[in-house]
C-alpha atoms as a PDB file:
ATOM      1  CA  MET A   1      -0.046  -0.045   0.078  1.00  0.00           C
ATOM      2  CA  ALA A   2       1.296   3.423  -0.878  1.00  0.00           C
ATOM      3  CA  GLU A   3       0.422   5.076   2.349  1.00  0.00           C
ATOM      4  CA  PRO A   4      -0.936   3.693   5.803  1.00  0.00           C
ATOM      5  CA  ALA A   5      -4.193   4.446   7.500  1.00  0.00           C
ATOM      6  CA  ASP A   6      -4.483   6.643  10.455  1.00  0.00           C
ATOM      7  CA  ARG A   7      -5.831   4.914  13.636  1.00  0.00           C
ATOM      8  CA  VAL A   8      -6.631   6.167  17.262  1.00  0.00           C
ATOM      9  CA  TYR A   9      -7.148   4.445  20.593  1.00  0.00           C
ATOM     10  CA  GLU A  10      -7.315   5.494  24.036  1.00  0.00           C
ATOM     11  CA  SER A  11      -4.942   4.906  27.128  1.00  0.00           C
ATOM     12  CA  GLN A  12      -5.168   6.651  30.584  1.00  0.00           C
ATOM     13  CA  GLY A  13      -7.860   8.919  28.810  1.00  0.00           C
ATOM     14  CA  LEU A  14      -5.567   9.881  26.252  1.00  0.00           C
ATOM     15  CA  ARG A  15      -6.041   9.727  22.602  1.00  0.00           C
ATOM     16  CA  LEU A  16      -3.251   8.184  21.089  1.00  0.00           C
ATOM     17  CA  HIS A  17      -2.287   7.735  17.159  1.00  0.00           C
ATOM     18  CA  TYR A  18      -0.861   5.082  15.297  1.00  0.00           C
ATOM     19  CA  VAL A  19      -0.689   4.078  11.544  1.00  0.00           C
ATOM     20  CA  ASP A  20      -1.843   0.628  10.019  1.00  0.00           C
ATOM     21  CA  TRP A  21       0.012  -0.497   7.054  1.00  0.00           C
ATOM     22  CA  GLY A  22      -2.509  -2.888   6.098  1.00  0.00           C
ATOM     23  CA  ASN A  23      -1.947  -6.973   5.760  1.00  0.00           C
ATOM     24  CA  GLU A  24      -3.847  -8.022   8.620  1.00  0.00           C
ATOM     25  CA  SER A  25      -3.527 -11.686   7.787  1.00  0.00           C
ATOM     26  CA  ALA A  26       0.013 -11.256   8.086  1.00  0.00           C
ATOM     27  CA  PRO A  27       1.866 -12.028  11.442  1.00  0.00           C
ATOM     28  CA  PRO A  28       1.861  -8.255  13.552  1.00  0.00           C
ATOM     29  CA  LEU A  29       4.864  -6.186  13.879  1.00  0.00           C
ATOM     30  CA  ILE A  30       4.901  -3.288  15.757  1.00  0.00           C
ATOM     31  CA  LEU A  31       7.607  -0.291  15.347  1.00  0.00           C
ATOM     32  CA  VAL A  32       7.938   2.057  18.230  1.00  0.00           C
ATOM     33  CA  HIS A  33       9.662   5.406  17.514  1.00  0.00           C
ATOM     34  CA  GLY A  34      12.269   7.023  19.976  1.00  0.00           C
ATOM     35  CA  GLY A  35      12.135  10.436  21.804  1.00  0.00           C
ATOM     36  CA  LEU A  36      11.468  13.698  20.054  1.00  0.00           C
ATOM     37  CA  ASP A  37      10.310  11.588  17.096  1.00  0.00           C
ATOM     38  CA  HIS A  38       7.320  10.283  15.302  1.00  0.00           C
ATOM     39  CA  CYS A  39       5.890   6.954  13.830  1.00  0.00           C
ATOM     40  CA  ARG A  40       6.419   8.088  10.059  1.00  0.00           C
ATOM     41  CA  ASN A  41      10.074   7.816  10.744  1.00  0.00           C
ATOM     42  CA  TRP A  42       9.709   4.180  10.132  1.00  0.00           C
ATOM     43  CA  ASP A  43       8.073   4.618   6.418  1.00  0.00           C
ATOM     44  CA  ALA A  44      11.049   3.082   4.685  1.00  0.00           C
ATOM     45  CA  ILE A  45      11.238  -0.145   6.884  1.00  0.00           C
ATOM     46  CA  ALA A  46       7.465  -0.217   6.895  1.00  0.00           C
ATOM     47  CA  ARG A  47       6.959  -0.191   3.330  1.00  0.00           C
ATOM     48  CA  ASP A  48       9.802  -2.866   2.603  1.00  0.00           C
ATOM     49  CA  LEU A  49       8.661  -5.303   5.083  1.00  0.00           C
ATOM     50  CA  GLN A  50       4.743  -4.746   4.485  1.00  0.00           C
ATOM     51  CA  PRO A  51       4.359  -7.730   2.306  1.00  0.00           C
ATOM     52  CA  HIS A  52       5.497 -10.088   5.272  1.00  0.00           C
ATOM     53  CA  PHE A  53       3.780  -8.317   8.044  1.00  0.00           C
ATOM     54  CA  HIS A  54       1.042  -6.380   9.454  1.00  0.00           C
ATOM     55  CA  ILE A  55       2.682  -3.415  10.523  1.00  0.00           C
ATOM     56  CA  MET A  56       1.286  -1.057  13.018  1.00  0.00           C
ATOM     57  CA  ALA A  57       3.509   2.095  14.243  1.00  0.00           C
ATOM     58  CA  PRO A  58       2.356   4.082  17.325  1.00  0.00           C
ATOM     59  CA  ASP A  59       2.928   7.679  17.998  1.00  0.00           C
ATOM     60  CA  LEU A  60       4.051   7.554  21.943  1.00  0.00           C
ATOM     61  CA  ARG A  61       2.249   9.918  24.175  1.00  0.00           C
ATOM     62  CA  GLY A  62       3.307  13.472  23.669  1.00  0.00           C
ATOM     63  CA  HIS A  63       4.706  12.623  20.174  1.00  0.00           C
ATOM     64  CA  GLY A  64       3.308  13.004  16.519  1.00  0.00           C
ATOM     65  CA  ASP A  65      -0.274  13.154  16.228  1.00  0.00           C
ATOM     66  CA  SER A  66      -1.182  11.475  19.647  1.00  0.00           C
ATOM     67  CA  GLU A  67      -2.488  13.670  22.835  1.00  0.00           C
ATOM     68  CA  TRP A  68       0.060  15.173  25.145  1.00  0.00           C
ATOM     69  CA  ALA A  69      -0.295  13.891  28.633  1.00  0.00           C
ATOM     70  CA  LYS A  70      -1.155  16.500  31.538  1.00  0.00           C
ATOM     71  CA  GLY A  71       1.152  16.608  34.836  1.00  0.00           C
ATOM     72  CA  SER A  72       4.248  15.217  32.965  1.00  0.00           C
ATOM     73  CA  SER A  73       3.318  11.625  33.036  1.00  0.00           C
ATOM     74  CA  TYR A  74       5.913  10.423  30.616  1.00  0.00           C
ATOM     75  CA  SER A  75       7.414   7.729  32.408  1.00  0.00           C
ATOM     76  CA  LEU A  76       8.459   4.398  30.759  1.00  0.00           C
ATOM     77  CA  THR A  77       6.154   2.642  32.587  1.00  0.00           C
ATOM     78  CA  ASP A  78       3.411   4.877  31.270  1.00  0.00           C
ATOM     79  CA  ASN A  79       4.367   4.200  27.642  1.00  0.00           C
ATOM     80  CA  VAL A  80       4.729   0.557  28.143  1.00  0.00           C
ATOM     81  CA  TYR A  81       0.983   0.688  29.497  1.00  0.00           C
ATOM     82  CA  ASP A  82       0.161   2.353  26.254  1.00  0.00           C
ATOM     83  CA  LEU A  83       1.805  -0.244  24.290  1.00  0.00           C
ATOM     84  CA  THR A  84      -0.447  -2.971  26.323  1.00  0.00           C
ATOM     85  CA  ARG A  85      -3.661  -1.105  25.196  1.00  0.00           C
ATOM     86  CA  LEU A  86      -2.626  -0.742  21.551  1.00  0.00           C
ATOM     87  CA  MET A  87      -2.053  -4.874  22.024  1.00  0.00           C
ATOM     88  CA  ARG A  88      -5.456  -5.320  23.242  1.00  0.00           C
ATOM     89  CA  PHE A  89      -7.191  -2.733  20.993  1.00  0.00           C
ATOM     90  CA  ALA A  90      -5.850  -4.133  17.749  1.00  0.00           C
ATOM     91  CA  GLY A  91      -6.455  -7.694  19.067  1.00  0.00           C
ATOM     92  CA  LEU A  92      -2.826  -8.852  19.113  1.00  0.00           C
ATOM     93  CA  GLN A  93      -1.850 -11.978  20.727  1.00  0.00           C
ATOM     94  CA  ASP A  94       1.592 -12.418  19.608  1.00  0.00           C
ATOM     95  CA  ALA A  95       3.789  -9.869  18.153  1.00  0.00           C
ATOM     96  CA  ALA A  96       7.197  -8.791  16.717  1.00  0.00           C
ATOM     97  CA  ILE A  97       8.262  -5.386  18.176  1.00  0.00           C
ATOM     98  CA  VAL A  98      11.071  -3.104  16.794  1.00  0.00           C
ATOM     99  CA  GLY A  99      12.095  -0.280  18.896  1.00  0.00           C
ATOM    100  CA  HIS A 100      14.572   2.601  18.365  1.00  0.00           C
ATOM    101  CA  SER A 101      16.075   4.294  21.348  1.00  0.00           C
ATOM    102  CA  MET A 102      13.495   5.104  24.021  1.00  0.00           C
ATOM    103  CA  GLY A 103      11.233   3.122  22.007  1.00  0.00           C
ATOM    104  CA  GLY A 104      13.616   0.102  22.255  1.00  0.00           C
ATOM    105  CA  MET A 105      13.602   0.568  26.036  1.00  0.00           C
ATOM    106  CA  VAL A 106       9.811   0.617  26.054  1.00  0.00           C
ATOM    107  CA  ALA A 107      10.026  -2.795  23.980  1.00  0.00           C
ATOM    108  CA  LEU A 108      12.288  -4.096  26.216  1.00  0.00           C
ATOM    109  CA  ALA A 109      10.221  -3.452  29.284  1.00  0.00           C
ATOM    110  CA  TYR A 110       6.946  -4.654  27.595  1.00  0.00           C
ATOM    111  CA  ALA A 111       8.683  -8.068  26.438  1.00  0.00           C
ATOM    112  CA  GLY A 112      10.039  -8.507  30.161  1.00  0.00           C
ATOM    113  CA  THR A 113       6.727  -7.906  31.500  1.00  0.00           C
ATOM    114  CA  TYR A 114       4.827  -9.757  28.749  1.00  0.00           C
ATOM    115  CA  PRO A 115       7.363 -12.520  27.611  1.00  0.00           C
ATOM    116  CA  GLU A 116       4.675 -14.532  26.342  1.00  0.00           C
ATOM    117  CA  SER A 117       3.250 -11.735  23.783  1.00  0.00           C
ATOM    118  CA  VAL A 118       6.279 -10.954  21.908  1.00  0.00           C
ATOM    119  CA  SER A 119       7.562 -13.395  19.268  1.00  0.00           C
ATOM    120  CA  ARG A 120      10.934 -11.446  18.461  1.00  0.00           C
ATOM    121  CA  LEU A 121      12.495  -8.496  19.478  1.00  0.00           C
ATOM    122  CA  VAL A 122      14.630  -5.970  17.863  1.00  0.00           C
ATOM    123  CA  VAL A 123      16.242  -2.973  19.604  1.00  0.00           C
ATOM    124  CA  LEU A 124      17.823  -0.220  17.539  1.00  0.00           C
ATOM    125  CA  ASP A 125      20.314   1.722  19.902  1.00  0.00           C
ATOM    126  CA  GLY A 126      18.075   1.418  22.781  1.00  0.00           C
ATOM    127  CA  ALA A 127      19.610  -0.785  25.131  1.00  0.00           C
ATOM    128  CA  PHE A 128      21.436   0.680  28.244  1.00  0.00           C
ATOM    129  CA  LEU A 129      21.407   1.388  31.711  1.00  0.00           C
ATOM    130  CA  LEU A 130      21.347   4.264  33.730  1.00  0.00           C
ATOM    131  CA  GLY A 131      24.004   5.179  36.080  1.00  0.00           C
ATOM    132  CA  SER A 132      23.969   2.644  39.039  1.00  0.00           C
ATOM    133  CA  GLN A 133      25.141   5.458  41.734  1.00  0.00           C
ATOM    134  CA  ALA A 134      21.605   7.297  41.846  1.00  0.00           C
ATOM    135  CA  ALA A 135      21.648  10.599  43.420  1.00  0.00           C
ATOM    136  CA  PRO A 136      20.308  11.326  46.799  1.00  0.00           C
ATOM    137  CA  ILE A 137      16.461  11.222  46.444  1.00  0.00           C
ATOM    138  CA  HIS A 138      16.259  15.022  47.526  1.00  0.00           C
ATOM    139  CA  GLU A 139      18.731  15.976  44.808  1.00  0.00           C
ATOM    140  CA  GLN A 140      16.568  13.930  42.303  1.00  0.00           C
ATOM    141  CA  MET A 141      13.354  15.645  43.248  1.00  0.00           C
ATOM    142  CA  SER A 142      15.051  19.079  43.227  1.00  0.00           C
ATOM    143  CA  ARG A 143      16.645  18.318  39.788  1.00  0.00           C
ATOM    144  CA  TRP A 144      13.155  17.252  38.320  1.00  0.00           C
ATOM    145  CA  ILE A 145      11.437  20.445  39.690  1.00  0.00           C
ATOM    146  CA  ASP A 146      13.892  22.754  38.041  1.00  0.00           C
ATOM    147  CA  GLN A 147      13.434  20.774  34.712  1.00  0.00           C
ATOM    148  CA  LEU A 148       9.682  21.367  35.024  1.00  0.00           C
ATOM    149  CA  ASP A 149      10.267  25.104  35.881  1.00  0.00           C
ATOM    150  CA  ARG A 150      12.979  25.646  32.928  1.00  0.00           C
ATOM    151  CA  ILE A 151      10.524  23.880  30.488  1.00  0.00           C
ATOM    152  CA  ALA A 152       7.521  25.804  31.714  1.00  0.00           C
ATOM    153  CA  GLU A 153       9.376  29.187  30.510  1.00  0.00           C
ATOM    154  CA  TYR A 154      10.832  27.425  27.298  1.00  0.00           C
ATOM    155  CA  GLN A 155       9.660  29.056  23.954  1.00  0.00           C
ATOM    156  CA  PRO A 156       9.453  26.179  21.312  1.00  0.00           C
ATOM    157  CA  SER A 157      11.528  26.704  18.076  1.00  0.00           C
ATOM    158  CA  THR A 158       9.414  27.936  15.214  1.00  0.00           C
ATOM    159  CA  PHE A 159      10.099  27.649  11.615  1.00  0.00           C
ATOM    160  CA  ARG A 160       8.702  29.580   8.453  1.00  0.00           C
ATOM    161  CA  THR A 161       8.715  26.852   6.475  1.00  0.00           C
ATOM    162  CA  ILE A 162       8.833  22.740   6.721  1.00  0.00           C
ATOM    163  CA  GLU A 163      12.096  23.304   4.594  1.00  0.00           C
ATOM    164  CA  GLU A 164      13.584  25.167   7.692  1.00  0.00           C
ATOM    165  CA  ALA A 165      12.417  22.533  10.140  1.00  0.00           C
ATOM    166  CA  ALA A 166      14.511  19.827   7.914  1.00  0.00           C
ATOM    167  CA  LYS A 167      17.619  21.914   8.120  1.00  0.00           C
ATOM    168  CA  ARG A 168      17.443  21.672  11.691  1.00  0.00           C
ATOM    169  CA  LEU A 169      17.010  17.813  11.504  1.00  0.00           C
ATOM    170  CA  PHE A 170      20.025  17.542   9.330  1.00  0.00           C
ATOM    171  CA  ALA A 171      21.901  19.778  11.852  1.00  0.00           C
ATOM    172  CA  ARG A 172      21.254  16.832  14.187  1.00  0.00           C
ATOM    173  CA  ASN A 173      22.211  13.973  11.990  1.00  0.00           C
ATOM    174  CA  LYS A 174      24.669  14.994   8.860  1.00  0.00           C
ATOM    175  CA  ARG A 175      23.968  11.502   7.277  1.00  0.00           C
ATOM    176  CA  LEU A 176      20.456  12.471   6.420  1.00  0.00           C
ATOM    177  CA  ALA A 177      19.447  12.706   2.891  1.00  0.00           C
ATOM    178  CA  PRO A 178      17.612  16.044   1.993  1.00  0.00           C
ATOM    179  CA  ALA A 179      14.604  14.008   0.903  1.00  0.00           C
ATOM    180  CA  LEU A 180      14.496  12.045   3.980  1.00  0.00           C
ATOM    181  CA  ALA A 181      14.885  15.157   6.247  1.00  0.00           C
ATOM    182  CA  LEU A 182      12.177  16.655   4.596  1.00  0.00           C
ATOM    183  CA  HIS A 183      10.102  13.877   4.916  1.00  0.00           C
ATOM    184  CA  LEU A 184      10.830  13.619   8.614  1.00  0.00           C
ATOM    185  CA  ALA A 185      10.094  17.243   9.218  1.00  0.00           C
ATOM    186  CA  SER A 186       6.917  17.220   7.289  1.00  0.00           C
ATOM    187  CA  TYR A 187       5.231  14.556   9.729  1.00  0.00           C
ATOM    188  CA  GLY A 188       7.011  15.988  12.619  1.00  0.00           C
ATOM    189  CA  VAL A 189       5.915  19.687  12.685  1.00  0.00           C
ATOM    190  CA  ARG A 190       2.665  21.540  12.819  1.00  0.00           C
ATOM    191  CA  LYS A 191       1.149  24.659  11.702  1.00  0.00           C
ATOM    192  CA  GLY A 192      -0.163  27.115  14.506  1.00  0.00           C
ATOM    193  CA  ALA A 193      -2.653  30.110  13.879  1.00  0.00           C
ATOM    194  CA  ASP A 194       0.417  32.399  13.724  1.00  0.00           C
ATOM    195  CA  GLY A 195       1.449  30.531  10.381  1.00  0.00           C
ATOM    196  CA  LEU A 196       4.640  29.271  11.958  1.00  0.00           C
ATOM    197  CA  TYR A 197       5.643  25.698  12.425  1.00  0.00           C
ATOM    198  CA  ARG A 198       6.431  23.918  15.585  1.00  0.00           C
ATOM    199  CA  TRP A 199       7.547  20.335  16.563  1.00  0.00           C
ATOM    200  CA  LYS A 200       4.674  18.230  17.428  1.00  0.00           C
ATOM    201  CA  PHE A 201       6.107  16.625  20.386  1.00  0.00           C
ATOM    202  CA  ASP A 202       5.651  17.897  23.835  1.00  0.00           C
ATOM    203  CA  HIS A 203       8.749  19.345  25.668  1.00  0.00           C
ATOM    204  CA  TYR A 204       7.653  18.095  29.116  1.00  0.00           C
ATOM    205  CA  GLN A 205       8.580  14.662  28.195  1.00  0.00           C
ATOM    206  CA  ARG A 206      12.067  15.559  28.322  1.00  0.00           C
ATOM    207  CA  ALA A 207      12.051  15.932  32.259  1.00  0.00           C
ATOM    208  CA  ARG A 208      13.299  13.118  33.864  1.00  0.00           C
ATOM    209  CA  ALA A 209      11.456  12.165  36.875  1.00  0.00           C
ATOM    210  CA  PRO A 210      12.767  10.597  39.935  1.00  0.00           C
ATOM    211  CA  TYR A 211      10.338   7.432  39.946  1.00  0.00           C
ATOM    212  CA  ARG A 212      12.390   5.861  36.945  1.00  0.00           C
ATOM    213  CA  LEU A 213      13.534   2.213  37.440  1.00  0.00           C
ATOM    214  CA  SER A 214      16.470   1.288  38.670  1.00  0.00           C
ATOM    215  CA  PRO A 215      19.460  -0.516  36.630  1.00  0.00           C
ATOM    216  CA  ASP A 216      18.353  -3.740  38.668  1.00  0.00           C
ATOM    217  CA  ASP A 217      14.963  -3.307  37.712  1.00  0.00           C
ATOM    218  CA  TYR A 218      16.012  -3.129  34.110  1.00  0.00           C
ATOM    219  CA  ALA A 219      18.261  -6.155  34.161  1.00  0.00           C
ATOM    220  CA  ALA A 220      15.504  -8.227  35.991  1.00  0.00           C
ATOM    221  CA  LEU A 221      12.887  -7.358  33.098  1.00  0.00           C
ATOM    222  CA  TRP A 222      15.587  -8.361  30.331  1.00  0.00           C
ATOM    223  CA  SER A 223      16.158 -11.625  32.044  1.00  0.00           C
ATOM    224  CA  ARG A 224      12.245 -12.324  31.791  1.00  0.00           C
ATOM    225  CA  ILE A 225      12.458 -11.956  27.989  1.00  0.00           C
ATOM    226  CA  THR A 226      12.366 -15.445  26.406  1.00  0.00           C
ATOM    227  CA  CYS A 227      11.703 -14.609  22.504  1.00  0.00           C
ATOM    228  CA  PRO A 228      14.975 -14.325  20.193  1.00  0.00           C
ATOM    229  CA  THR A 229      16.179 -10.798  20.491  1.00  0.00           C
ATOM    230  CA  LEU A 230      18.722  -8.407  18.418  1.00  0.00           C
ATOM    231  CA  LEU A 231      20.552  -5.551  19.900  1.00  0.00           C
ATOM    232  CA  MET A 232      21.662  -3.240  17.118  1.00  0.00           C
ATOM    233  CA  TRP A 233      24.239  -0.422  17.765  1.00  0.00           C
ATOM    234  CA  GLY A 234      25.683   2.031  15.856  1.00  0.00           C
ATOM    235  CA  GLU A 235      29.438   2.154  16.307  1.00  0.00           C
ATOM    236  CA  GLU A 236      29.388   6.199  16.234  1.00  0.00           C
ATOM    237  CA  SER A 237      26.395   6.417  18.499  1.00  0.00           C
ATOM    238  CA  PHE A 238      26.827   8.593  21.601  1.00  0.00           C
ATOM    239  CA  LEU A 239      25.451   5.684  23.594  1.00  0.00           C
ATOM    240  CA  PRO A 240      27.932   3.134  24.863  1.00  0.00           C
ATOM    241  CA  ASP A 241      28.899  -0.323  23.506  1.00  0.00           C
ATOM    242  CA  PRO A 242      25.764  -2.516  24.942  1.00  0.00           C
ATOM    243  CA  ALA A 243      27.933  -5.806  24.592  1.00  0.00           C
ATOM    244  CA  GLY A 244      28.056  -6.140  28.314  1.00  0.00           C
ATOM    245  CA  LEU A 245      24.440  -6.117  28.752  1.00  0.00           C
ATOM    246  CA  LEU A 246      24.161  -9.406  26.652  1.00  0.00           C
ATOM    247  CA  ALA A 247      24.700 -11.414  30.212  1.00  0.00           C
ATOM    248  CA  HIS A 248      21.177 -10.236  31.113  1.00  0.00           C
ATOM    249  CA  PHE A 249      19.348 -11.857  28.312  1.00  0.00           C
ATOM    250  CA  LYS A 250      18.506 -15.486  27.884  1.00  0.00           C
ATOM    251  CA  THR A 251      18.792 -15.252  24.407  1.00  0.00           C
ATOM    252  CA  ALA A 252      20.313 -12.329  22.514  1.00  0.00           C
ATOM    253  CA  GLU A 253      22.566 -11.485  19.967  1.00  0.00           C
ATOM    254  CA  LEU A 254      24.534  -8.068  19.130  1.00  0.00           C
ATOM    255  CA  GLN A 255      25.154  -6.430  15.961  1.00  0.00           C
ATOM    256  CA  LYS A 256      27.524  -3.302  15.435  1.00  0.00           C
ATOM    257  CA  VAL A 257      26.914  -1.429  12.555  1.00  0.00           C
ATOM    258  CA  ALA A 258      29.850   0.779  11.061  1.00  0.00           C
ATOM    259  CA  GLY A 259      29.120   3.980   9.661  1.00  0.00           C
ATOM    260  CA  ALA A 260      25.807   4.704  11.795  1.00  0.00           C
ATOM    261  CA  GLY A 261      25.462   6.733  14.727  1.00  0.00           C
ATOM    262  CA  HIS A 262      22.087   6.833  16.794  1.00  0.00           C
ATOM    263  CA  TRP A 263      19.559   6.668  13.985  1.00  0.00           C
ATOM    264  CA  LEU A 264      20.745   3.378  12.581  1.00  0.00           C
ATOM    265  CA  HIS A 265      17.827   3.122  10.227  1.00  0.00           C
ATOM    266  CA  HIS A 266      18.474   6.475   8.870  1.00  0.00           C
ATOM    267  CA  ASP A 267      22.010   6.175   8.379  1.00  0.00           C
ATOM    268  CA  ARG A 268      22.332   2.545   7.178  1.00  0.00           C
ATOM    269  CA  LEU A 269      18.894   1.490   6.045  1.00  0.00           C
ATOM    270  CA  ASP A 270      20.275  -1.193   3.744  1.00  0.00           C
ATOM    271  CA  VAL A 271      22.245  -3.115   6.642  1.00  0.00           C
ATOM    272  CA  VAL A 272      19.149  -2.723   9.078  1.00  0.00           C
ATOM    273  CA  LEU A 273      16.732  -3.973   6.417  1.00  0.00           C
ATOM    274  CA  ALA A 274      18.944  -6.884   5.600  1.00  0.00           C
ATOM    275  CA  SER A 275      19.391  -7.563   9.603  1.00  0.00           C
ATOM    276  CA  LEU A 276      15.316  -7.205   9.928  1.00  0.00           C
ATOM    277  CA  ARG A 277      14.659  -9.633   6.852  1.00  0.00           C
ATOM    278  CA  ARG A 278      17.098 -12.268   8.337  1.00  0.00           C
ATOM    279  CA  PHE A 279      15.852 -11.973  11.972  1.00  0.00           C
ATOM    280  CA  LEU A 280      12.193 -11.583  11.404  1.00  0.00           C
ATOM    281  CA  ASP A 281      12.446 -14.158   8.545  1.00  0.00           C
ATOM    282  CA  ALA A 282      11.357 -11.909   5.871  1.00  0.00           C
ATOM    283  CA  PRO A 283      13.850 -12.559   2.773  1.00  0.00           C
ATOM    284  CA  LEU A 284      13.958  -9.807   0.063  1.00  0.00           C
ATOM    285  CA  GLY A 285      11.966 -10.510  -2.868  1.00  0.00           C
ATOM    286  CA  ALA A 286      13.557 -10.870  -6.169  1.00  0.00           C
ATOM    287  CA  GLY A 287      14.798  -7.631  -7.563  1.00  0.00           C
ATOM    288  CA  LYS A 288      13.291  -6.006  -4.820  1.00  0.00           C
ATOM    289  CA  ALA A 289      15.293  -2.988  -3.474  1.00  0.00           C
ATOM    290  CA  ALA A 290      15.044  -0.854  -0.433  1.00  0.00           C
ATOM    291  CA  ALA A 291      12.966   2.418  -1.216  1.00  0.00           C
ATOM    292  CA  ARG A 292      13.515   5.853   0.428  1.00  0.00           C
ATOM    293  CA  PRO A 293      10.111   7.349   1.876  1.00  0.00           C
END
């Protein structure tokens, strides 16, 4: 199909958006984006894999065309709950999940909570542990309150055109092709009554609340994952090499991708697609080439 269908579901009173790429009779595959991103960043991968899977890609709360949470409710556990609601709403019993960055952390936590509900799991640059030495709780509370105060005073960036927003994305990732940057920007901004464009995501989701999971909590969840798991990491990512984390998993493999930073599926789409096809058992059809959105 050329374009996915827009769908909505409800979680904790929020109206959340996702796109459905059709092919309902095929095995389900959920694509979960990272922070400050949106569901249409998966378009190239979704179009390539759509003949093999029923693909759904949600906009996490506070992102894309999903509603913003009130009261800074953007914890990992909230996002995991939203994923359970999507699974129930769509009637999915067993799904493969691919997550990038924060979306990978959400996918890992979901798979550790409900190991029987995930058939295969792929995490793109999203397996990492926060520092093991947590600051005293009063410092965490004070830091969080200061963050919320700063965000309350923050004036979001504005752009006169979508092309200006695309240039901002390119400044973050120099590997982006101009067409891809424009595609990501076109779904990542919203035009206001003043005629200016602003990012769709809620800046309050940047705040790091003091009620996060501990490293031991993450490790405990990961140890419960029973499905085959692939961790992919860009060798030029700002996140650390996750090789030392493999010991927390029952069955996981690590693939390091040369020439890629944090946004693996944008930097090396060819490598990521080839790995996904192999791992998800969806071989490339004869004469078919990966297409950019």
